[in-house]
Amino acid sequence: MKGEALFRLGRTFEALPYFNEVRLRAGVSLYQKKDLTLEKILDERSRELAWEGLRRQDLIRFGKWNDAWFEKEAKDDFTKLFPIPYWAIDTNSKLKQNPGY
């Protein structure tokens, strides 16, 4: 996350060690400053955090949640938010269900 944040701030040189530490451990080639892109960062997170349950949030943050890929169909924009449970709406009259649900 820190490497991604630094990259998004335009501080690519400072971000490189965070990604290269992981790549060095994996025994694959290291990134150079010119090689690092948001697409590569997303790919790196998918490999490193495959079973951590973070992919959905990553895809939303990178603007790719609505895209179709592998066996996932394209999603409507409203699916970026979860529905509010009905029990919560029933107990608080000020809550309104998220659009689309």
Protein backbone atom coordinates (compact mmCIF):
# COMPACT_ATOMS: atom_id res chain seq x y z
CA MET A 1 0.00 0.00 0.00
CA LYS A 2 2.79 2.43 0.82
CA GLY A 3 4.47 1.74 -2.53
CA GLU A 4 1.19 2.36 -4.36
CA ALA A 5 0.59 5.58 -2.43
CA LEU A 6 4.08 6.86 -3.22
CA PHE A 7 3.64 5.96 -6.88
CA ARG A 8 0.31 7.79 -7.06
CA LEU A 9 2.01 10.83 -5.53
CA GLY A 10 4.55 10.77 -8.36
CA ARG A 11 7.34 9.50 -6.10
CA THR A 12 8.14 6.43 -8.18
CA PHE A 13 11.79 6.22 -7.11
CA GLU A 14 10.71 6.00 -3.44
CA ALA A 15 8.03 3.42 -4.31
CA LEU A 16 10.40 1.01 -6.09
CA PRO A 17 12.00 -0.57 -2.99
CA TYR A 18 8.60 -1.70 -1.69
CA PHE A 19 7.81 -3.60 -4.88
CA ASN A 20 11.34 -4.84 -5.46
CA GLU A 21 11.55 -6.29 -1.96
CA VAL A 22 8.67 -8.61 -2.82
CA ARG A 23 10.07 -9.41 -6.28
CA LEU A 24 13.54 -10.15 -4.85
CA ARG A 25 12.01 -12.60 -2.39
CA ALA A 26 10.09 -14.25 -5.25
CA GLY A 27 13.25 -14.54 -7.35
CA VAL A 28 11.95 -12.55 -10.31
CA SER A 29 13.42 -9.55 -12.10
CA LEU A 30 13.31 -6.23 -10.29
CA TYR A 31 11.39 -3.20 -11.53
CA GLN A 32 13.21 -0.18 -12.88
CA LYS A 33 11.71 3.29 -12.46
CA LYS A 34 10.48 3.34 -16.08
CA ASP A 35 8.83 -0.08 -15.73
CA LEU A 36 6.48 0.63 -12.83
CA THR A 37 2.87 1.43 -13.80
CA LEU A 38 -0.51 1.26 -12.05
CA GLU A 39 -1.33 -1.82 -14.14
CA LYS A 40 1.82 -3.57 -12.89
CA ILE A 41 1.05 -2.55 -9.32
CA LEU A 42 -2.43 -4.08 -9.61
CA ASP A 43 -0.95 -7.25 -11.09
CA GLU A 44 1.64 -7.39 -8.32
CA ARG A 45 -1.06 -7.08 -5.65
CA SER A 46 -3.09 -9.85 -7.29
CA ARG A 47 -0.12 -12.23 -7.08
CA GLU A 48 1.14 -11.26 -3.64
CA LEU A 49 -2.26 -10.98 -1.93
CA ALA A 50 -4.16 -13.66 -3.88
CA TRP A 51 -5.88 -15.24 -0.85
CA GLU A 52 -6.22 -12.16 1.37
CA GLY A 53 -9.69 -11.07 0.23
CA LEU A 54 -8.58 -7.65 -1.02
CA ARG A 55 -9.10 -8.04 -4.76
CA ARG A 56 -12.57 -6.45 -4.87
CA GLN A 57 -11.37 -3.29 -3.14
CA ASP A 58 -8.28 -3.16 -5.36
CA LEU A 59 -10.37 -3.42 -8.53
CA ILE A 60 -12.69 -0.66 -7.31
CA ARG A 61 -9.75 1.59 -6.37
CA PHE A 62 -8.04 1.00 -9.75
CA GLY A 63 -11.30 1.64 -11.65
CA LYS A 64 -11.58 -1.91 -13.00
CA TRP A 65 -14.40 -3.40 -10.92
CA ASN A 66 -16.99 -2.94 -13.66
CA ASP A 67 -14.81 -4.68 -16.29
CA ALA A 68 -15.39 -8.28 -17.31
CA TRP A 69 -12.41 -10.60 -16.77
CA PHE A 70 -11.81 -14.35 -16.61
CA GLU A 71 -15.16 -15.78 -15.44
CA LYS A 72 -16.48 -12.52 -13.96
CA GLU A 73 -19.12 -10.70 -15.94
CA ALA A 74 -19.12 -6.92 -16.20
CA LYS A 75 -20.82 -5.36 -13.18
CA ASP A 76 -23.12 -2.38 -12.86
CA ASP A 77 -21.68 0.66 -11.12
CA PHE A 78 -24.00 0.30 -8.12
CA THR A 79 -22.21 -2.92 -7.09
CA LYS A 80 -19.25 -0.89 -5.83
CA LEU A 81 -21.32 -0.44 -2.67
CA PHE A 82 -22.77 -3.26 -0.62
CA PRO A 83 -26.46 -3.27 0.23
CA ILE A 84 -27.37 -2.06 3.70
CA PRO A 85 -28.85 -4.96 5.67
CA TYR A 86 -32.61 -4.67 6.10
CA TRP A 87 -32.33 -5.15 9.86
CA ALA A 88 -30.19 -1.98 9.98
CA ILE A 89 -32.70 -0.02 7.91
CA ASP A 90 -35.55 -1.32 10.09
CA THR A 91 -33.82 -0.09 13.24
CA ASN A 92 -32.82 3.33 11.87
CA SER A 93 -35.41 5.24 9.86
CA LYS A 94 -32.76 7.70 8.61
CA LEU A 95 -30.96 5.02 6.61
CA LYS A 96 -31.85 4.61 2.95
CA GLN A 97 -30.89 1.57 0.90
CA ASN A 98 -28.00 2.06 -1.50
CA PRO A 99 -29.25 2.58 -5.09
CA GLY A 100 -29.67 -0.60 -7.10
CA TYR A 101 -30.59 -2.87 -4.18
